[in-house]
């Protein structure tokens, strides 16, 4: 996948995902041993311990696959993110329909982008709002069609590269 198609995640998020992935991979032998131990108990049709161990294995393997895909299809690079322009990886402050009281702050990226800050709303650059503001400059107003069919105007107040230390305070603007 080309870099420009990769989803932005914060360096902190990448580190957390890598740590979780490593822990899951390291746990594989423990689960395999549990399955073997339960298998030796006898009839597998009525062996709840075996079923539970296999289910845990399936869940952890699914999570390993999910994390691996996120990491393979993401980047922490922010070299093309310019303050004042809404990019993937930018925290954007906006207001809607000309109402400066209807403010919102969000990150343009994926839900996995800022797991280190669960209070920060995240919109994909493929969502109607994300696509509308992508590339917009501070002070610029754009329109998009909401899923309910309404046309909404959104004005960029500011856009800045994501910084996990500042992100918690940005929502209070």
C-alpha atoms as a PDB file:
ATOM      1  CA  UNK A   1       0.000   0.000   0.000  1.00  0.00           C
ATOM      2  CA  UNK A   2       1.421   3.409  -0.930  1.00  0.00           C
ATOM      3  CA  UNK A   3       2.229   5.803   1.900  1.00  0.00           C
ATOM      4  CA  UNK A   4      -0.389   8.325   0.770  1.00  0.00           C
ATOM      5  CA  UNK A   5      -3.078   5.662   1.199  1.00  0.00           C
ATOM      6  CA  UNK A   6      -1.964   4.726   4.703  1.00  0.00           C
ATOM      7  CA  UNK A   7      -3.992   5.812   7.705  1.00  0.00           C
ATOM      8  CA  UNK A   8      -2.381   8.103  10.262  1.00  0.00           C
ATOM      9  CA  UNK A   9      -1.895   6.847  13.814  1.00  0.00           C
ATOM     10  CA  UNK A  10      -0.038   8.612  16.585  1.00  0.00           C
ATOM     11  CA  UNK A  11       3.378   7.320  17.668  1.00  0.00           C
ATOM     12  CA  UNK A  12       1.852   6.594  21.095  1.00  0.00           C
ATOM     13  CA  UNK A  13      -0.917   4.544  19.510  1.00  0.00           C
ATOM     14  CA  UNK A  14       1.600   2.653  17.398  1.00  0.00           C
ATOM     15  CA  UNK A  15       3.660   1.814  20.492  1.00  0.00           C
ATOM     16  CA  UNK A  16       0.556   0.578  22.364  1.00  0.00           C
ATOM     17  CA  UNK A  17      -0.551  -1.564  19.440  1.00  0.00           C
ATOM     18  CA  UNK A  18       2.940  -3.030  19.030  1.00  0.00           C
ATOM     19  CA  UNK A  19       3.096  -3.847  22.760  1.00  0.00           C
ATOM     20  CA  UNK A  20      -0.325  -5.505  22.630  1.00  0.00           C
ATOM     21  CA  UNK A  21       0.666  -7.474  19.529  1.00  0.00           C
ATOM     22  CA  UNK A  22       3.889  -8.683  21.147  1.00  0.00           C
ATOM     23  CA  UNK A  23       2.030  -9.742  24.304  1.00  0.00           C
ATOM     24  CA  UNK A  24      -0.523 -11.681  22.262  1.00  0.00           C
ATOM     25  CA  UNK A  25       2.198 -13.409  20.240  1.00  0.00           C
ATOM     26  CA  UNK A  26       4.110 -14.276  23.414  1.00  0.00           C
ATOM     27  CA  UNK A  27       0.907 -15.779  24.862  1.00  0.00           C
ATOM     28  CA  UNK A  28       0.460 -18.226  21.959  1.00  0.00           C
ATOM     29  CA  UNK A  29       2.473 -21.057  23.604  1.00  0.00           C
ATOM     30  CA  UNK A  30       0.497 -20.660  26.836  1.00  0.00           C
ATOM     31  CA  UNK A  31      -2.804 -21.048  25.011  1.00  0.00           C
ATOM     32  CA  UNK A  32      -1.472 -23.963  22.938  1.00  0.00           C
ATOM     33  CA  UNK A  33      -0.377 -25.724  26.134  1.00  0.00           C
ATOM     34  CA  UNK A  34      -3.827 -25.105  27.663  1.00  0.00           C
ATOM     35  CA  UNK A  35      -5.521 -26.587  24.599  1.00  0.00           C
ATOM     36  CA  UNK A  36      -3.258 -29.660  24.706  1.00  0.00           C
ATOM     37  CA  UNK A  37      -3.879 -30.094  28.419  1.00  0.00           C
ATOM     38  CA  UNK A  38      -7.655 -29.859  27.953  1.00  0.00           C
ATOM     39  CA  UNK A  39      -7.520 -32.206  24.945  1.00  0.00           C
ATOM     40  CA  UNK A  40      -5.998 -34.902  27.177  1.00  0.00           C
ATOM     41  CA  UNK A  41      -9.000 -34.746  29.515  1.00  0.00           C
ATOM     42  CA  UNK A  42     -11.000 -36.892  27.129  1.00  0.00           C
ATOM     43  CA  UNK A  43     -14.097 -36.474  24.976  1.00  0.00           C
ATOM     44  CA  UNK A  44     -13.834 -33.132  23.172  1.00  0.00           C
ATOM     45  CA  UNK A  45     -17.598 -32.943  22.539  1.00  0.00           C
ATOM     46  CA  UNK A  46     -18.327 -32.330  26.205  1.00  0.00           C
ATOM     47  CA  UNK A  47     -15.119 -30.610  27.271  1.00  0.00           C
ATOM     48  CA  UNK A  48     -15.943 -27.039  28.286  1.00  0.00           C
ATOM     49  CA  UNK A  49     -12.318 -26.291  29.228  1.00  0.00           C
ATOM     50  CA  UNK A  50     -11.140 -27.290  25.759  1.00  0.00           C
ATOM     51  CA  UNK A  51     -13.884 -25.226  24.104  1.00  0.00           C
ATOM     52  CA  UNK A  52     -13.002 -22.190  26.239  1.00  0.00           C
ATOM     53  CA  UNK A  53      -9.295 -22.490  25.424  1.00  0.00           C
ATOM     54  CA  UNK A  54     -10.032 -22.803  21.683  1.00  0.00           C
ATOM     55  CA  UNK A  55     -12.365 -19.798  21.837  1.00  0.00           C
ATOM     56  CA  UNK A  56      -9.683 -17.737  23.592  1.00  0.00           C
ATOM     57  CA  UNK A  57      -7.186 -18.810  20.943  1.00  0.00           C
ATOM     58  CA  UNK A  58      -9.582 -17.754  18.162  1.00  0.00           C
ATOM     59  CA  UNK A  59     -10.178 -14.362  19.807  1.00  0.00           C
ATOM     60  CA  UNK A  60      -6.488 -13.678  20.303  1.00  0.00           C
ATOM     61  CA  UNK A  61      -5.609 -14.760  16.750  1.00  0.00           C
ATOM     62  CA  UNK A  62      -8.327 -12.443  15.392  1.00  0.00           C
ATOM     63  CA  UNK A  63      -6.891  -9.575  17.448  1.00  0.00           C
ATOM     64  CA  UNK A  64      -3.366 -10.367  16.218  1.00  0.00           C
ATOM     65  CA  UNK A  65      -4.632 -10.202  12.642  1.00  0.00           C
ATOM     66  CA  UNK A  66      -6.508  -6.934  13.317  1.00  0.00           C
ATOM     67  CA  UNK A  67      -3.512  -5.223  14.938  1.00  0.00           C
ATOM     68  CA  UNK A  68      -1.162  -6.486  12.228  1.00  0.00           C
ATOM     69  CA  UNK A  69      -3.425  -5.021   9.545  1.00  0.00           C
ATOM     70  CA  UNK A  70      -3.681  -1.689  11.357  1.00  0.00           C
ATOM     71  CA  UNK A  71       0.099  -1.462  11.699  1.00  0.00           C
ATOM     72  CA  UNK A  72       0.724  -2.552   8.095  1.00  0.00           C
ATOM     73  CA  UNK A  73      -1.723   0.017   6.735  1.00  0.00           C
ATOM     74  CA  UNK A  74      -0.786   2.977   8.910  1.00  0.00           C
ATOM     75  CA  UNK A  75       1.908   5.574   9.306  1.00  0.00           C
ATOM     76  CA  UNK A  76       3.106   7.912  12.022  1.00  0.00           C
ATOM     77  CA  UNK A  77       4.731  10.230   9.482  1.00  0.00           C
ATOM     78  CA  UNK A  78       3.570  13.822   9.749  1.00  0.00           C
ATOM     79  CA  UNK A  79       6.031  15.537   7.446  1.00  0.00           C
ATOM     80  CA  UNK A  80       3.274  16.728   5.109  1.00  0.00           C
ATOM     81  CA  UNK A  81       1.058  18.055   7.900  1.00  0.00           C
ATOM     82  CA  UNK A  82       1.093  21.837   7.904  1.00  0.00           C
ATOM     83  CA  UNK A  83      -0.327  23.896  10.721  1.00  0.00           C
ATOM     84  CA  UNK A  84      -3.352  25.826   9.523  1.00  0.00           C
ATOM     85  CA  UNK A  85      -4.419  23.230   6.929  1.00  0.00           C
ATOM     86  CA  UNK A  86      -6.623  20.208   7.675  1.00  0.00           C
ATOM     87  CA  UNK A  87      -4.713  17.007   6.857  1.00  0.00           C
ATOM     88  CA  UNK A  88      -4.989  13.387   7.915  1.00  0.00           C
ATOM     89  CA  UNK A  89      -3.325  13.490  11.330  1.00  0.00           C
ATOM     90  CA  UNK A  90      -4.547  17.027  12.095  1.00  0.00           C
ATOM     91  CA  UNK A  91      -6.633  18.080  15.057  1.00  0.00           C
ATOM     92  CA  UNK A  92      -9.229  20.386  13.561  1.00  0.00           C
ATOM     93  CA  UNK A  93     -11.386  22.970  15.347  1.00  0.00           C
ATOM     94  CA  UNK A  94     -14.568  23.891  13.475  1.00  0.00           C
ATOM     95  CA  UNK A  95     -17.971  25.473  13.826  1.00  0.00           C
ATOM     96  CA  UNK A  96     -21.111  24.630  11.900  1.00  0.00           C
ATOM     97  CA  UNK A  97     -23.604  26.604   9.790  1.00  0.00           C
ATOM     98  CA  UNK A  98     -22.116  29.972  10.745  1.00  0.00           C
ATOM     99  CA  UNK A  99     -22.815  29.398  14.472  1.00  0.00           C
ATOM    100  CA  UNK A 100     -19.549  30.058  16.308  1.00  0.00           C
ATOM    101  CA  UNK A 101     -21.147  28.507  19.402  1.00  0.00           C
ATOM    102  CA  UNK A 102     -21.558  25.158  17.617  1.00  0.00           C
ATOM    103  CA  UNK A 103     -17.875  24.216  17.873  1.00  0.00           C
ATOM    104  CA  UNK A 104     -16.306  20.807  17.580  1.00  0.00           C
ATOM    105  CA  UNK A 105     -12.748  19.532  17.801  1.00  0.00           C
ATOM    106  CA  UNK A 106     -11.739  16.289  16.130  1.00  0.00           C
ATOM    107  CA  UNK A 107      -8.873  14.344  14.639  1.00  0.00           C
ATOM    108  CA  UNK A 108      -8.870  13.410  10.969  1.00  0.00           C
ATOM    109  CA  UNK A 109      -7.806   9.766  10.824  1.00  0.00           C
ATOM    110  CA  UNK A 110      -9.023   6.367  11.960  1.00  0.00           C
ATOM    111  CA  UNK A 111     -10.541   5.342  15.275  1.00  0.00           C
ATOM    112  CA  UNK A 112      -7.248   3.605  16.012  1.00  0.00           C
ATOM    113  CA  UNK A 113      -5.331   6.823  15.387  1.00  0.00           C
ATOM    114  CA  UNK A 114      -5.611   8.223  18.890  1.00  0.00           C
ATOM    115  CA  UNK A 115      -6.444   5.411  21.288  1.00  0.00           C
ATOM    116  CA  UNK A 116      -4.208   7.281  23.717  1.00  0.00           C
ATOM    117  CA  UNK A 117      -6.923   9.981  23.840  1.00  0.00           C
ATOM    118  CA  UNK A 118     -10.386   8.344  23.842  1.00  0.00           C
ATOM    119  CA  UNK A 119     -12.108  11.700  24.464  1.00  0.00           C
ATOM    120  CA  UNK A 120     -10.970  13.101  21.116  1.00  0.00           C
ATOM    121  CA  UNK A 121     -13.564  12.483  18.413  1.00  0.00           C
ATOM    122  CA  UNK A 122     -12.100  11.029  15.223  1.00  0.00           C
ATOM    123  CA  UNK A 123     -13.443  11.266  11.684  1.00  0.00           C
ATOM    124  CA  UNK A 124     -12.081   9.326   8.744  1.00  0.00           C
ATOM    125  CA  UNK A 125     -10.958  11.354   5.775  1.00  0.00           C
ATOM    126  CA  UNK A 126     -13.484   9.237   3.854  1.00  0.00           C
ATOM    127  CA  UNK A 127     -16.438  10.340   6.003  1.00  0.00           C
ATOM    128  CA  UNK A 128     -18.585  13.206   4.681  1.00  0.00           C
ATOM    129  CA  UNK A 129     -17.173  15.652   7.254  1.00  0.00           C
ATOM    130  CA  UNK A 130     -13.584  14.425   6.978  1.00  0.00           C
ATOM    131  CA  UNK A 131     -13.640  14.581   3.175  1.00  0.00           C
ATOM    132  CA  UNK A 132     -15.166  18.074   3.264  1.00  0.00           C
ATOM    133  CA  UNK A 133     -12.507  19.598   5.512  1.00  0.00           C
ATOM    134  CA  UNK A 134      -9.498  17.772   4.084  1.00  0.00           C
ATOM    135  CA  UNK A 135      -7.131  20.380   2.636  1.00  0.00           C
ATOM    136  CA  UNK A 136      -9.145  23.316   4.010  1.00  0.00           C
ATOM    137  CA  UNK A 137      -7.281  26.313   5.415  1.00  0.00           C
ATOM    138  CA  UNK A 138      -8.078  28.185   8.619  1.00  0.00           C
ATOM    139  CA  UNK A 139     -11.044  30.491   8.060  1.00  0.00           C
ATOM    140  CA  UNK A 140     -12.274  28.528   5.043  1.00  0.00           C
ATOM    141  CA  UNK A 141     -15.892  27.339   4.925  1.00  0.00           C
ATOM    142  CA  UNK A 142     -16.895  24.178   3.098  1.00  0.00           C
ATOM    143  CA  UNK A 143     -20.143  22.280   2.685  1.00  0.00           C
ATOM    144  CA  UNK A 144     -20.953  18.592   2.868  1.00  0.00           C
ATOM    145  CA  UNK A 145     -24.023  16.414   2.803  1.00  0.00           C
ATOM    146  CA  UNK A 146     -24.733  14.636   6.079  1.00  0.00           C
ATOM    147  CA  UNK A 147     -26.010  11.043   6.068  1.00  0.00           C
ATOM    148  CA  UNK A 148     -29.541  12.387   6.719  1.00  0.00           C
ATOM    149  CA  UNK A 149     -29.366  14.364   3.450  1.00  0.00           C
ATOM    150  CA  UNK A 150     -28.958  17.819   5.026  1.00  0.00           C
ATOM    151  CA  UNK A 151     -26.305  20.164   3.661  1.00  0.00           C
ATOM    152  CA  UNK A 152     -24.057  21.453   6.431  1.00  0.00           C
ATOM    153  CA  UNK A 153     -21.468  24.195   6.220  1.00  0.00           C
ATOM    154  CA  UNK A 154     -18.346  23.820   8.310  1.00  0.00           C
ATOM    155  CA  UNK A 155     -15.782  26.555   8.968  1.00  0.00           C
ATOM    156  CA  UNK A 156     -12.217  25.725   9.963  1.00  0.00           C
ATOM    157  CA  UNK A 157     -11.144  27.684  13.037  1.00  0.00           C
ATOM    158  CA  UNK A 158      -7.732  26.027  13.264  1.00  0.00           C
ATOM    159  CA  UNK A 159      -5.876  22.872  12.270  1.00  0.00           C
ATOM    160  CA  UNK A 160      -2.702  21.577  13.822  1.00  0.00           C
ATOM    161  CA  UNK A 161      -0.697  18.362  13.833  1.00  0.00           C
ATOM    162  CA  UNK A 162      -1.874  15.883  16.472  1.00  0.00           C
ATOM    163  CA  UNK A 163       0.072  16.067  19.720  1.00  0.00           C
ATOM    164  CA  UNK A 164      -1.097  13.632  22.384  1.00  0.00           C
ATOM    165  CA  UNK A 165       0.073  15.884  25.219  1.00  0.00           C
ATOM    166  CA  UNK A 166      -1.954  18.828  23.928  1.00  0.00           C
ATOM    167  CA  UNK A 167      -4.938  16.851  22.637  1.00  0.00           C
ATOM    168  CA  UNK A 168      -6.674  16.629  25.990  1.00  0.00           C
ATOM    169  CA  UNK A 169      -6.697  20.419  26.334  1.00  0.00           C
ATOM    170  CA  UNK A 170      -7.721  21.117  22.738  1.00  0.00           C
ATOM    171  CA  UNK A 171     -11.308  19.982  23.258  1.00  0.00           C
ATOM    172  CA  UNK A 172     -11.926  22.841  25.682  1.00  0.00           C
ATOM    173  CA  UNK A 173     -11.352  25.560  23.068  1.00  0.00           C
END
